[in-house]
Amino acid sequence: MGIDISTESGVLVPLKDFLKALTIGQEELERMVRSLREAIANRSDLADDLKGLKLRDGMTRAEFLKGLYGRLKRTIRHRCENYGLFSADDLGDWLDSVVRGEAAAGVIDRAGKWLVEPRFDEIRELCDECAAALEQGSQLWGFIDRHGQWLIPPQFYGVGDFKDGLALAWKDGRWGVVDKSGRCVIGPRFRELHGFNEGLAVAAEDQLFGFIDTSGAWVIPPQFELALSFGWRREGLAEVVRNGERGLINKRGEWLVGLGSITLWSEFVDGLAPASEGLEDGNQLGFVDENARWAIPPQFQFAESFRDGLALVIQGGLFGFIDKTGGWVIRPQYEMASAFRHGIAAAQLGDRCGVIDRAGAWVIEPCFLALGDSYDFKWFQGGIEPACGEDGLWGAIDRSGEWRVPPTFPMIGRFAEGLADAQDETALWGLIDASGRWVVPAQFEELSNDEPSGISPITKNWIRVRFRSTIFRKCPRITSVIASKGARLTDLWQVAAGEPYVVFSEDDCFLKQLSPCGEALAKLLGRDSLESSAWADYSF
């Protein structure tokens, strides 16, 4: 019995023909052979699957494909018989780990041109004109410039991002600090070290935390069981725990406010911060002032800091908005909502999302399944906002709620400089313009269009991607390969050893059985008929 592959168009392609269609050059073939050898040597779980696949230098493409085809057939059948299911994801994962290798990290510009070739395991955000990078295979971090050249060679087992010319670095089992020349400014002596905020950093050599300056000298000696960085709760203050008591200190280490049993949940804005009595589940939230006195008593299931004079809260399982007196401005009525900025907020009523103003009136009627970049509403920062239409596909709308990018994409990110990251039907990422046209075709496993700094990589013209140079790039996409006897289990199919293989596309629009017992299966599926045929085994 042969094995077929169902493609995204619903067309069955025999596994033999699928493999024959692959374009493999001699250099790529040699890389694949090396990868397979390494997999066999280092991974016992793959060794059984690959047993019998003979690999030698100078082998021809036909010889390689013949062996690979034989192993794929055995693997699929073995998995179905022993584990009940071998899906397209299983096949893809197997090929990824054995043949294709891991996707590498690189950087492109807005036109899709490589600024940093994909030759790193990981690359971080560009900060102070350099970025942390993980060298392939070594698990060592260093720092590169915007062209991918090493500024500080890989030598650390962990690093932070550069800020004000300094970065944390882990070496010899301890944290220290380096400058952009790679010089060790503070030797690696800390068990724990946080980034510098307002000129000071939380640090611990042993069990207790204190605060150091950029020379490594103690400004506030170690004395706290826990400490947060200055500025996290309010400018000039840090939250600490000393002798079991929680409080706020200034930069001289002076104890200003004791919090007692109060737990702060976010930063102070306009003199108020969301807080609860203790950390226990079910404790309600209210708002305290900077002297830790309750300004708005605990009464909410959830609360965020104030934005645009209003705070987003949950009461009775629904979202609403209060003012600084605790009075309702918009009563709780939404299943989901974002904070207000620039006078608008996203809100979900029932199962549809729209945009409201500060009075709770609909600026854009709730007619979308979701709004925002990965469900994070950005308040039309790029002039248009990602939105999910009725069919579950994403496009982009303007401030009037009209489609500017038709909803034809599985996912769209936020727009910046007239561009946004978007995903195609094969789950690869590229860049589109404000009309929905591909500017950089979808070809990347990942494309980062959001950074901790909040500045879009598109604006920086330095966009981090993960790219896989794969032999499957030009081939039909596999949607599923399963075995079944026709009994439905949720959205999959029950499988029993010895039952016929069934292959179908993602939308069930095409189904074909590989042995002649299709009538019973057709009846189970509610179909009038089901094409079935016997298939001969394939060999090269």
Protein backbone atom coordinates (compact mmCIF):
# COMPACT_ATOMS: atom_id res chain seq x y z
CA MET A 1 0.00 0.00 0.00
CA GLY A 2 1.35 3.42 -0.91
CA ILE A 3 1.05 6.63 1.05
CA ASP A 4 -0.32 9.86 -0.33
CA ILE A 5 0.11 13.44 0.78
CA SER A 6 -2.90 15.79 0.72
CA THR A 7 -1.96 19.36 -0.26
CA GLU A 8 -3.61 22.64 0.60
CA SER A 9 -5.51 22.63 -2.70
CA GLY A 10 -7.01 19.23 -1.88
CA VAL A 11 -4.93 17.44 -4.52
CA LEU A 12 -3.47 14.08 -3.58
CA VAL A 13 0.21 13.69 -4.32
CA PRO A 14 1.84 10.27 -3.91
CA LEU A 15 4.63 10.47 -1.39
CA LYS A 16 7.01 9.14 -4.02
CA ASP A 17 6.13 11.94 -6.43
CA PHE A 18 6.21 14.51 -3.64
CA LEU A 19 9.78 13.59 -2.84
CA LYS A 20 10.76 13.43 -6.49
CA ALA A 21 9.50 17.01 -6.94
CA LEU A 22 11.95 18.34 -4.36
CA THR A 23 14.74 20.46 -5.75
CA ILE A 24 17.94 19.37 -4.08
CA GLY A 25 21.35 20.56 -5.17
CA GLN A 26 24.49 18.63 -4.36
CA GLU A 27 25.51 21.11 -1.65
CA GLU A 28 22.08 20.90 -0.01
CA LEU A 29 22.15 17.12 -0.32
CA GLU A 30 25.50 16.93 1.45
CA ARG A 31 24.16 19.16 4.24
CA MET A 32 21.13 16.91 4.63
CA VAL A 33 23.33 13.84 4.78
CA ARG A 34 25.43 15.46 7.51
CA SER A 35 22.28 16.43 9.43
CA LEU A 36 20.92 12.90 9.21
CA ARG A 37 24.21 11.41 10.34
CA GLU A 38 24.26 13.73 13.34
CA ALA A 39 20.64 12.90 14.14
CA ILE A 40 21.32 9.19 14.04
CA ALA A 41 24.37 9.60 16.25
CA ASN A 42 22.89 11.93 18.86
CA ARG A 43 19.17 11.21 19.04
CA SER A 44 17.99 7.80 20.09
CA ASP A 45 14.37 8.63 19.29
CA LEU A 46 15.28 9.20 15.64
CA ALA A 47 17.72 6.35 15.38
CA ASP A 48 14.95 3.75 15.09
CA ASP A 49 13.17 5.78 12.41
CA LEU A 50 16.37 6.19 10.44
CA LYS A 51 17.68 2.70 10.91
CA GLY A 52 18.49 1.23 7.53
CA LEU A 53 18.91 4.58 5.76
CA LYS A 54 22.41 4.25 4.36
CA LEU A 55 24.34 7.50 4.09
CA ARG A 56 27.59 7.94 2.25
CA ASP A 57 29.60 10.73 0.68
CA GLY A 58 28.90 11.34 -2.97
CA MET A 59 25.53 9.55 -2.99
CA THR A 60 23.20 10.67 -5.77
CA ARG A 61 19.93 12.50 -5.31
CA ALA A 62 17.96 9.45 -6.49
CA GLU A 63 19.75 7.20 -3.99
CA PHE A 64 19.08 9.62 -1.17
CA LEU A 65 15.39 10.05 -2.02
CA LYS A 66 14.88 6.32 -2.35
CA GLY A 67 16.22 5.76 1.14
CA LEU A 68 14.31 8.70 2.58
CA TYR A 69 11.07 7.52 0.97
CA GLY A 70 11.49 4.06 2.43
CA ARG A 71 12.09 5.45 5.90
CA LEU A 72 9.13 7.85 5.67
CA LYS A 73 6.78 5.00 4.73
CA ARG A 74 7.96 2.87 7.61
CA THR A 75 7.81 5.79 10.05
CA ILE A 76 4.24 6.77 9.14
CA ARG A 77 2.99 3.21 9.39
CA HIS A 78 4.89 2.52 12.60
CA ARG A 79 3.52 5.64 14.29
CA CYS A 80 -0.03 4.89 13.20
CA GLU A 81 0.14 1.33 14.46
CA ASN A 82 1.76 2.19 17.79
CA TYR A 83 0.42 5.62 18.63
CA GLY A 84 -2.81 5.79 16.64
CA LEU A 85 -2.10 8.96 14.69
CA PHE A 86 0.50 10.42 12.39
CA SER A 87 -0.58 13.93 11.41
CA ALA A 88 0.87 16.45 9.03
CA ASP A 89 2.41 18.20 12.02
CA ASP A 90 4.09 14.95 13.05
CA LEU A 91 5.53 14.53 9.57
CA GLY A 92 6.59 18.17 9.47
CA ASP A 93 8.23 17.95 12.89
CA TRP A 94 10.05 14.79 11.90
CA LEU A 95 11.35 16.33 8.70
CA ASP A 96 12.25 19.55 10.52
CA SER A 97 14.35 17.76 13.10
CA VAL A 98 15.94 15.29 10.70
CA VAL A 99 16.27 16.95 7.33
CA ARG A 100 15.63 20.65 7.53
CA GLY A 101 17.38 21.60 10.75
CA GLU A 102 16.50 24.58 12.91
CA ALA A 103 15.49 27.95 11.50
CA ALA A 104 18.25 30.54 11.92
CA ALA A 105 17.88 34.12 13.11
CA GLY A 106 18.78 37.08 10.91
CA VAL A 107 17.74 40.67 10.22
CA ILE A 108 16.13 42.29 7.16
CA ASP A 109 15.32 45.87 6.21
CA ARG A 110 11.93 47.19 5.07
CA ALA A 111 12.61 46.06 1.51
CA GLY A 112 13.42 42.49 2.60
CA LYS A 113 17.16 42.83 2.02
CA TRP A 114 19.38 40.95 4.44
CA LEU A 115 21.15 43.25 6.88
CA VAL A 116 22.32 40.31 8.98
CA GLU A 117 22.44 36.93 7.26
CA PRO A 118 20.52 34.13 9.08
CA ARG A 119 23.42 32.50 10.90
CA PHE A 120 22.54 32.97 14.59
CA ASP A 121 20.44 30.93 17.00
CA GLU A 122 18.87 34.11 18.38
CA ILE A 123 19.11 37.87 17.93
CA ARG A 124 17.62 40.45 20.28
CA GLU A 125 16.39 44.01 19.83
CA LEU A 126 18.84 46.62 18.54
CA CYS A 127 19.71 48.85 21.52
CA ASP A 128 22.40 51.53 21.50
CA GLU A 129 23.27 50.41 17.94
CA CYS A 130 24.15 46.87 19.02
CA ALA A 131 22.20 43.69 19.68
CA ALA A 132 22.73 40.59 21.79
CA ALA A 133 23.22 37.51 19.59
CA LEU A 134 23.47 33.79 20.36
CA GLU A 135 26.13 32.03 18.31
CA GLN A 136 24.90 28.98 16.44
CA GLY A 137 25.76 25.74 18.17
CA SER A 138 27.87 27.17 21.01
CA GLN A 139 25.16 28.48 23.39
CA LEU A 140 27.36 31.54 23.92
CA TRP A 141 26.14 35.12 23.71
CA GLY A 142 27.95 38.14 22.34
CA PHE A 143 26.96 41.45 20.75
CA ILE A 144 26.75 42.38 17.06
CA ASP A 145 26.41 45.68 15.22
CA ARG A 146 23.54 46.42 12.82
CA HIS A 147 25.44 44.63 10.03
CA GLY A 148 25.96 41.40 11.97
CA GLN A 149 29.64 41.89 12.80
CA TRP A 150 30.76 40.89 16.28
CA LEU A 151 31.38 43.91 18.51
CA ILE A 152 31.89 41.66 21.53
CA PRO A 153 32.73 38.04 20.61
CA PRO A 154 30.48 35.27 22.01
CA GLN A 155 31.71 34.36 25.48
CA PHE A 156 28.77 34.76 27.88
CA TYR A 157 26.11 32.28 28.98
CA GLY A 158 23.57 35.06 29.42
CA VAL A 159 23.34 38.78 28.68
CA GLY A 160 21.02 41.75 28.98
CA ASP A 161 20.43 44.45 26.38
CA PHE A 162 22.58 47.57 26.27
CA LYS A 163 21.21 50.67 27.96
CA ASP A 164 23.22 53.86 28.41
CA GLY A 165 26.33 52.02 27.19
CA LEU A 166 26.15 49.15 29.70
CA ALA A 167 24.84 45.57 29.55
CA LEU A 168 24.58 42.70 32.03
CA ALA A 169 26.70 39.62 31.29
CA TRP A 170 26.80 36.15 32.89
CA LYS A 171 30.23 34.53 33.10
CA ASP A 172 31.89 32.08 35.46
CA GLY A 173 28.57 31.47 37.19
CA ARG A 174 27.97 35.10 38.19
CA TRP A 175 26.56 38.33 36.75
CA GLY A 176 28.67 41.37 35.93
CA VAL A 177 28.50 44.39 33.61
CA VAL A 178 30.35 45.14 30.35
CA ASP A 179 30.60 48.25 28.19
CA LYS A 180 30.31 48.37 24.38
CA SER A 181 34.01 47.65 23.95
CA GLY A 182 33.59 44.38 25.86
CA ARG A 183 35.51 45.72 28.86
CA CYS A 184 34.35 44.34 32.19
CA VAL A 185 33.11 47.42 34.05
CA ILE A 186 31.77 45.44 37.02
CA GLY A 187 33.29 42.02 37.61
CA PRO A 188 31.07 38.92 37.63
CA ARG A 189 30.38 38.67 41.35
CA PHE A 190 26.58 38.80 41.71
CA ARG A 191 24.24 35.87 42.20
CA GLU A 192 21.45 38.07 40.85
CA LEU A 193 21.62 41.41 39.04
CA HIS A 194 18.86 43.45 37.42
CA GLY A 195 19.17 46.16 34.78
CA PHE A 196 19.96 49.75 35.73
CA ASN A 197 17.01 52.08 36.25
CA GLU A 198 17.44 55.67 37.37
CA GLY A 199 21.18 54.98 37.76
CA LEU A 200 20.82 52.10 40.25
CA ALA A 201 20.45 48.32 39.87
CA VAL A 202 19.04 45.66 42.18
CA ALA A 203 21.87 43.26 43.08
CA ALA A 204 22.57 40.30 45.38
CA GLU A 205 25.92 38.66 46.05
CA ASP A 206 24.43 36.18 48.49
CA GLN A 207 20.86 36.01 49.82
CA LEU A 208 19.99 39.67 50.50
CA PHE A 209 19.38 42.38 47.90
CA GLY A 210 20.70 45.93 47.77
CA PHE A 211 21.32 48.59 45.10
CA ILE A 212 24.59 49.34 43.26
CA ASP A 213 25.63 52.23 41.00
CA THR A 214 27.26 51.89 37.56
CA SER A 215 30.70 51.42 39.13
CA GLY A 216 29.51 48.43 41.16
CA ALA A 217 29.67 50.24 44.51
CA TRP A 218 26.90 49.64 47.03
CA VAL A 219 24.65 52.71 47.32
CA ILE A 220 22.10 50.90 49.48
CA PRO A 221 23.76 47.90 51.20
CA PRO A 222 22.20 44.41 50.94
CA GLN A 223 19.38 44.14 53.50
CA PHE A 224 16.22 43.18 51.62
CA GLU A 225 14.65 39.77 51.03
CA LEU A 226 13.09 41.15 47.82
CA ALA A 227 13.55 44.35 45.82
CA LEU A 228 12.12 45.89 42.67
CA SER A 229 13.95 48.42 40.49
CA PHE A 230 13.57 52.13 41.06
CA GLY A 231 10.86 53.68 38.93
CA TRP A 232 8.75 50.54 38.57
CA ARG A 233 6.11 51.82 40.99
CA ARG A 234 6.90 55.53 40.88
CA GLU A 235 9.82 57.73 39.88
CA GLY A 236 12.41 57.91 42.66
CA LEU A 237 10.93 55.05 44.70
CA ALA A 238 11.57 51.30 44.90
CA GLU A 239 9.40 48.62 46.46
CA VAL A 240 11.26 46.30 48.87
CA VAL A 241 10.68 43.66 51.54
CA ARG A 242 12.78 43.91 54.72
CA ASN A 243 12.35 41.60 57.70
CA GLY A 244 9.12 40.39 56.15
CA GLU A 245 7.64 43.89 55.85
CA ARG A 246 6.86 45.43 52.46
CA GLY A 247 7.42 49.14 51.82
CA LEU A 248 8.73 51.94 49.58
CA ILE A 249 12.21 53.46 49.91
CA ASN A 250 14.00 56.43 48.30
CA LYS A 251 17.47 56.41 46.72
CA ARG A 252 19.12 57.03 50.09
CA GLY A 253 17.56 53.81 51.34
CA GLU A 254 15.19 55.65 53.67
CA TRP A 255 11.96 53.87 54.50
CA LEU A 256 9.18 56.23 53.34
CA VAL A 257 5.97 54.23 53.34
CA GLY A 258 5.11 50.90 54.94
CA LEU A 259 2.66 48.92 52.82
CA GLY A 260 1.67 46.43 55.53
CA SER A 261 -0.53 43.76 53.96
CA ILE A 262 -1.12 45.81 50.80
CA THR A 263 0.11 44.35 47.50
CA LEU A 264 0.67 46.77 44.62
CA TRP A 265 -0.33 45.40 41.20
CA SER A 266 0.95 48.15 38.92
CA GLU A 267 2.58 51.57 38.89
CA PHE A 268 1.28 54.80 40.42
CA VAL A 269 -0.42 57.08 37.87
CA ASP A 270 -1.76 60.46 39.00
CA GLY A 271 -1.04 59.42 42.59
CA LEU A 272 -3.04 56.15 42.54
CA ALA A 273 -2.07 52.49 42.03
CA PRO A 274 -4.19 49.32 41.85
CA ALA A 275 -3.71 47.20 44.96
CA SER A 276 -5.18 44.39 47.05
CA GLU A 277 -5.00 43.14 50.64
CA GLY A 278 -2.50 40.32 50.29
CA LEU A 279 -1.80 37.98 47.38
CA GLU A 280 -4.46 35.35 47.99
CA ASP A 281 -6.63 34.24 45.07
CA GLY A 282 -9.99 35.95 45.06
CA ASN A 283 -8.82 39.08 46.87
CA GLN A 284 -10.49 42.13 45.40
CA LEU A 285 -8.60 45.13 44.06
CA GLY A 286 -8.99 48.84 44.76
CA PHE A 287 -6.65 51.85 44.54
CA VAL A 288 -4.24 53.27 47.13
CA ASP A 289 -2.54 56.67 47.22
CA GLU A 290 1.22 57.19 47.64
CA ASN A 291 0.85 56.99 51.41
CA ALA A 292 -0.68 53.50 51.09
CA ARG A 293 -4.14 54.71 52.14
CA TRP A 294 -7.19 53.35 50.37
CA ALA A 295 -8.54 56.00 47.97
CA ILE A 296 -10.94 53.56 46.27
CA PRO A 297 -11.84 50.55 48.49
CA PRO A 298 -11.23 47.01 47.17
CA GLN A 299 -14.26 45.91 45.13
CA PHE A 300 -12.99 44.81 41.72
CA GLN A 301 -11.89 41.45 40.33
CA PHE A 302 -9.25 43.20 38.22
CA ALA A 303 -7.93 46.75 37.87
CA GLU A 304 -5.34 48.56 35.73
CA SER A 305 -3.57 51.86 36.37
CA PHE A 306 -5.34 55.02 35.20
CA ARG A 307 -5.00 56.02 31.55
CA ASP A 308 -6.51 59.21 30.14
CA GLY A 309 -8.12 59.78 33.55
CA LEU A 310 -10.01 56.46 33.51
CA ALA A 311 -9.14 53.03 34.92
CA LEU A 312 -10.17 49.73 33.35
CA VAL A 313 -11.72 47.41 35.97
CA ILE A 314 -13.74 44.19 36.14
CA GLN A 315 -16.78 43.78 38.34
CA GLY A 316 -19.21 40.88 38.08
CA GLY A 317 -17.10 39.37 35.32
CA LEU A 318 -17.58 42.36 33.00
CA PHE A 319 -15.26 45.24 32.05
CA GLY A 320 -16.08 48.88 32.77
CA PHE A 321 -14.33 52.20 33.52
CA ILE A 322 -14.13 54.33 36.66
CA ASP A 323 -12.85 57.84 37.42
CA LYS A 324 -10.44 58.79 40.21
CA THR A 325 -13.24 58.98 42.77
CA GLY A 326 -14.21 55.38 42.04
CA GLY A 327 -17.43 56.44 40.31
CA TRP A 328 -18.62 54.63 37.22
CA VAL A 329 -18.03 56.50 33.95
CA ILE A 330 -18.91 53.46 31.83
CA ARG A 331 -20.65 50.73 33.79
CA PRO A 332 -19.38 47.13 33.46
CA GLN A 333 -20.94 45.62 30.35
CA TYR A 334 -18.13 44.36 28.12
CA GLU A 335 -16.66 40.86 27.81
CA MET A 336 -13.28 42.44 27.01
CA ALA A 337 -11.87 45.96 26.75
CA SER A 338 -8.60 47.88 26.41
CA ALA A 339 -7.48 50.93 28.38
CA PHE A 340 -8.31 54.36 26.98
CA ARG A 341 -5.73 56.29 25.03
CA HIS A 342 -6.30 59.27 22.77
CA GLY A 343 -9.94 59.19 23.82
CA ILE A 344 -10.83 55.75 22.46
CA ALA A 345 -10.74 52.13 23.60
CA ALA A 346 -11.51 48.74 22.07
CA ALA A 347 -14.44 46.88 23.61
CA GLN A 348 -16.13 43.52 23.07
CA LEU A 349 -19.89 43.21 23.44
CA GLY A 350 -21.07 39.61 23.14
CA ASP A 351 -18.74 38.01 20.60
CA ARG A 352 -18.06 41.16 18.53
CA CYS A 353 -15.53 43.96 18.99
CA GLY A 354 -15.71 47.67 18.22
CA VAL A 355 -14.34 51.01 19.42
CA ILE A 356 -15.93 53.27 22.07
CA ASP A 357 -15.37 56.87 23.20
CA ARG A 358 -15.12 58.13 26.80
CA ALA A 359 -18.90 58.32 27.06
CA GLY A 360 -19.26 54.67 26.05
CA ALA A 361 -20.75 55.53 22.63
CA TRP A 362 -19.72 53.32 19.72
CA VAL A 363 -17.26 55.11 17.43
CA ILE A 364 -16.95 51.90 15.41
CA GLU A 365 -19.84 49.47 15.76
CA PRO A 366 -19.01 46.03 17.25
CA CYS A 367 -18.85 43.90 14.10
CA PHE A 368 -15.35 42.36 14.29
CA LEU A 369 -14.18 39.14 15.92
CA ALA A 370 -11.07 40.90 17.25
CA LEU A 371 -9.22 44.20 17.02
CA GLY A 372 -5.53 44.94 17.33
CA ASP A 373 -2.14 43.41 16.77
CA SER A 374 -2.39 39.90 18.22
CA TYR A 375 -5.43 41.09 20.21
CA ASP A 376 -3.51 44.10 21.56
CA PHE A 377 -5.31 47.29 20.51
CA LYS A 378 -2.87 50.04 19.44
CA TRP A 379 -5.33 52.96 19.04
CA PHE A 380 -4.65 53.40 15.29
CA GLN A 381 -1.02 54.34 15.88
CA GLY A 382 -0.22 53.55 12.26
CA GLY A 383 -3.38 55.16 10.90
CA ILE A 384 -5.06 51.81 10.44
CA GLU A 385 -5.70 48.99 12.89
CA PRO A 386 -5.64 45.19 12.38
CA ALA A 387 -9.10 43.63 12.59
CA CYS A 388 -10.49 40.11 12.31
CA GLY A 389 -13.50 39.64 10.02
CA GLU A 390 -16.42 37.23 10.20
CA ASP A 391 -14.53 34.37 8.54
CA GLY A 392 -11.65 34.55 11.02
CA LEU A 393 -9.24 36.22 8.59
CA TRP A 394 -7.45 39.47 9.33
CA GLY A 395 -7.29 42.77 7.48
CA ALA A 396 -7.00 46.40 8.62
CA ILE A 397 -9.59 49.12 9.17
CA ASP A 398 -9.38 52.92 9.35
CA ARG A 399 -10.85 55.16 12.07
CA SER A 400 -14.27 55.01 10.45
CA GLY A 401 -14.30 51.21 10.61
CA GLU A 402 -13.95 50.75 6.84
CA TRP A 403 -11.67 48.03 5.48
CA ARG A 404 -8.43 49.42 4.07
CA VAL A 405 -6.71 46.04 3.87
CA PRO A 406 -9.24 43.31 2.93
CA PRO A 407 -9.51 40.49 5.50
CA THR A 408 -7.58 37.79 3.65
CA PHE A 409 -4.70 37.03 6.04
CA PRO A 410 -4.47 34.46 8.88
CA MET A 411 -2.83 37.21 11.01
CA ILE A 412 -1.66 40.81 10.65
CA GLY A 413 0.54 42.84 13.00
CA ARG A 414 0.50 46.56 13.62
CA PHE A 415 1.36 49.11 10.94
CA ALA A 416 4.39 51.39 11.11
CA GLU A 417 5.85 53.48 8.31
CA GLY A 418 3.08 52.14 6.06
CA LEU A 419 4.08 48.48 6.56
CA ALA A 420 2.91 45.61 8.75
CA ASP A 421 3.93 42.02 9.36
CA ALA A 422 1.47 39.48 7.97
CA GLN A 423 1.10 35.72 7.80
CA ASP A 424 0.09 33.76 4.71
CA GLU A 425 -1.87 30.50 4.48
CA THR A 426 1.32 28.45 4.90
CA ALA A 427 1.99 30.11 8.31
CA LEU A 428 5.01 32.02 6.98
CA TRP A 429 5.52 35.74 7.63
CA GLY A 430 6.35 38.69 5.41
CA LEU A 431 5.58 42.42 5.11
CA ILE A 432 2.56 44.05 3.47
CA ASP A 433 1.77 47.69 2.68
CA ALA A 434 -1.38 49.62 3.60
CA SER A 435 -3.19 48.22 0.56
CA GLY A 436 -2.48 44.60 1.52
CA ARG A 437 0.15 44.07 -1.20
CA TRP A 438 3.13 41.91 -0.32
CA VAL A 439 6.22 44.12 -0.16
CA VAL A 440 8.38 41.35 1.30
CA PRO A 441 6.86 37.96 0.35
CA ALA A 442 5.97 35.55 3.15
CA GLN A 443 9.02 33.36 3.69
CA PHE A 444 10.00 33.63 7.38
CA GLU A 445 9.17 31.29 10.25
CA GLU A 446 8.99 34.33 12.55
CA LEU A 447 9.08 38.09 12.01
CA SER A 448 9.32 40.42 15.00
CA ASN A 449 7.36 43.66 14.74
CA ASP A 450 7.14 44.41 18.44
CA GLU A 451 9.95 45.16 20.85
CA PRO A 452 10.24 45.73 24.62
CA SER A 453 11.20 49.34 23.92
CA GLY A 454 7.86 49.89 22.17
CA ILE A 455 9.61 51.17 19.02
CA SER A 456 8.59 49.19 15.94
CA PRO A 457 11.46 47.37 14.18
CA ILE A 458 9.94 48.68 10.94
CA THR A 459 10.55 52.22 12.19
CA LYS A 460 14.13 51.24 13.08
CA ASN A 461 14.47 49.54 9.67
CA TRP A 462 16.01 46.56 11.50
CA ILE A 463 13.55 43.66 11.52
CA ARG A 464 14.46 40.39 13.22
CA VAL A 465 13.35 37.20 11.46
CA ARG A 466 13.80 33.44 11.65
CA PHE A 467 14.44 31.86 8.28
CA ARG A 468 14.69 28.24 7.21
CA SER A 469 16.49 27.46 3.98
CA THR A 470 14.43 24.42 3.14
CA ILE A 471 14.04 22.02 0.27
CA PHE A 472 10.27 22.14 0.82
CA ARG A 473 9.91 25.84 0.06
CA LYS A 474 8.52 25.32 -3.48
CA CYS A 475 6.53 22.16 -2.76
CA PRO A 476 2.82 21.76 -1.99
CA ARG A 477 2.02 22.25 1.66
CA ILE A 478 1.14 19.08 3.54
CA THR A 479 -2.16 19.45 5.38
CA SER A 480 -2.66 16.03 6.88
CA VAL A 481 -1.65 12.40 6.79
CA ILE A 482 -3.64 10.19 9.14
CA ALA A 483 -4.93 6.66 9.52
CA SER A 484 -8.57 6.07 10.40
CA LYS A 485 -11.50 3.70 10.52
CA GLY A 486 -13.93 6.60 10.27
CA ALA A 487 -15.12 7.22 13.81
CA ARG A 488 -14.93 10.91 14.68
CA LEU A 489 -13.19 12.10 17.84
CA THR A 490 -13.66 15.87 18.28
CA ASP A 491 -11.96 17.29 15.19
CA LEU A 492 -9.70 14.31 14.51
CA TRP A 493 -10.31 10.67 13.61
CA GLN A 494 -10.11 7.61 15.76
CA VAL A 495 -7.37 5.29 14.62
CA ALA A 496 -6.96 1.57 15.07
CA ALA A 497 -4.00 -0.57 14.11
CA GLY A 498 -4.49 -2.29 10.78
CA GLU A 499 -7.20 0.09 9.57
CA PRO A 500 -6.83 1.83 6.19
CA TYR A 501 -5.00 5.10 5.75
CA VAL A 502 -7.09 8.18 5.01
CA VAL A 503 -5.80 11.47 3.67
CA PHE A 504 -7.83 14.70 3.59
CA SER A 505 -7.38 18.45 3.31
CA GLU A 506 -7.82 20.89 6.20
CA ASP A 507 -11.36 21.91 5.23
CA ASP A 508 -12.51 18.32 4.60
CA CYS A 509 -13.29 19.30 1.01
CA PHE A 510 -11.46 16.27 -0.33
CA LEU A 511 -11.21 12.80 1.15
CA LYS A 512 -9.80 9.64 -0.30
CA GLN A 513 -9.20 6.21 1.13
CA LEU A 514 -6.27 4.08 0.17
CA SER A 515 -8.00 0.70 0.31
CA PRO A 516 -11.39 -0.43 -1.00
CA CYS A 517 -13.83 -0.06 1.88
CA GLY A 518 -15.04 3.43 1.12
CA GLU A 519 -18.79 2.87 1.22
CA ALA A 520 -18.95 2.33 4.98
CA LEU A 521 -16.72 5.32 5.54
CA ALA A 522 -18.84 7.45 3.21
CA LYS A 523 -21.95 6.51 5.20
CA LEU A 524 -20.30 7.54 8.44
CA LEU A 525 -19.34 10.87 6.91
CA GLY A 526 -22.80 11.49 5.51
CA ARG A 527 -21.48 11.44 1.94
CA ASP A 528 -23.25 9.84 -1.00
CA SER A 529 -20.10 8.19 -2.19
CA LEU A 530 -16.42 8.13 -1.56
CA GLU A 531 -13.92 7.37 -4.24
CA SER A 532 -11.74 4.46 -3.24
CA SER A 533 -9.11 2.45 -4.97
CA ALA A 534 -6.35 0.04 -4.26
CA TRP A 535 -2.89 1.50 -4.41
CA ALA A 536 0.25 -0.33 -5.33
CA ASP A 537 3.35 0.05 -3.27
CA TYR A 538 5.92 2.47 -4.69
CA SER A 539 9.59 1.89 -5.13
CA PHE A 540 12.37 3.70 -6.96
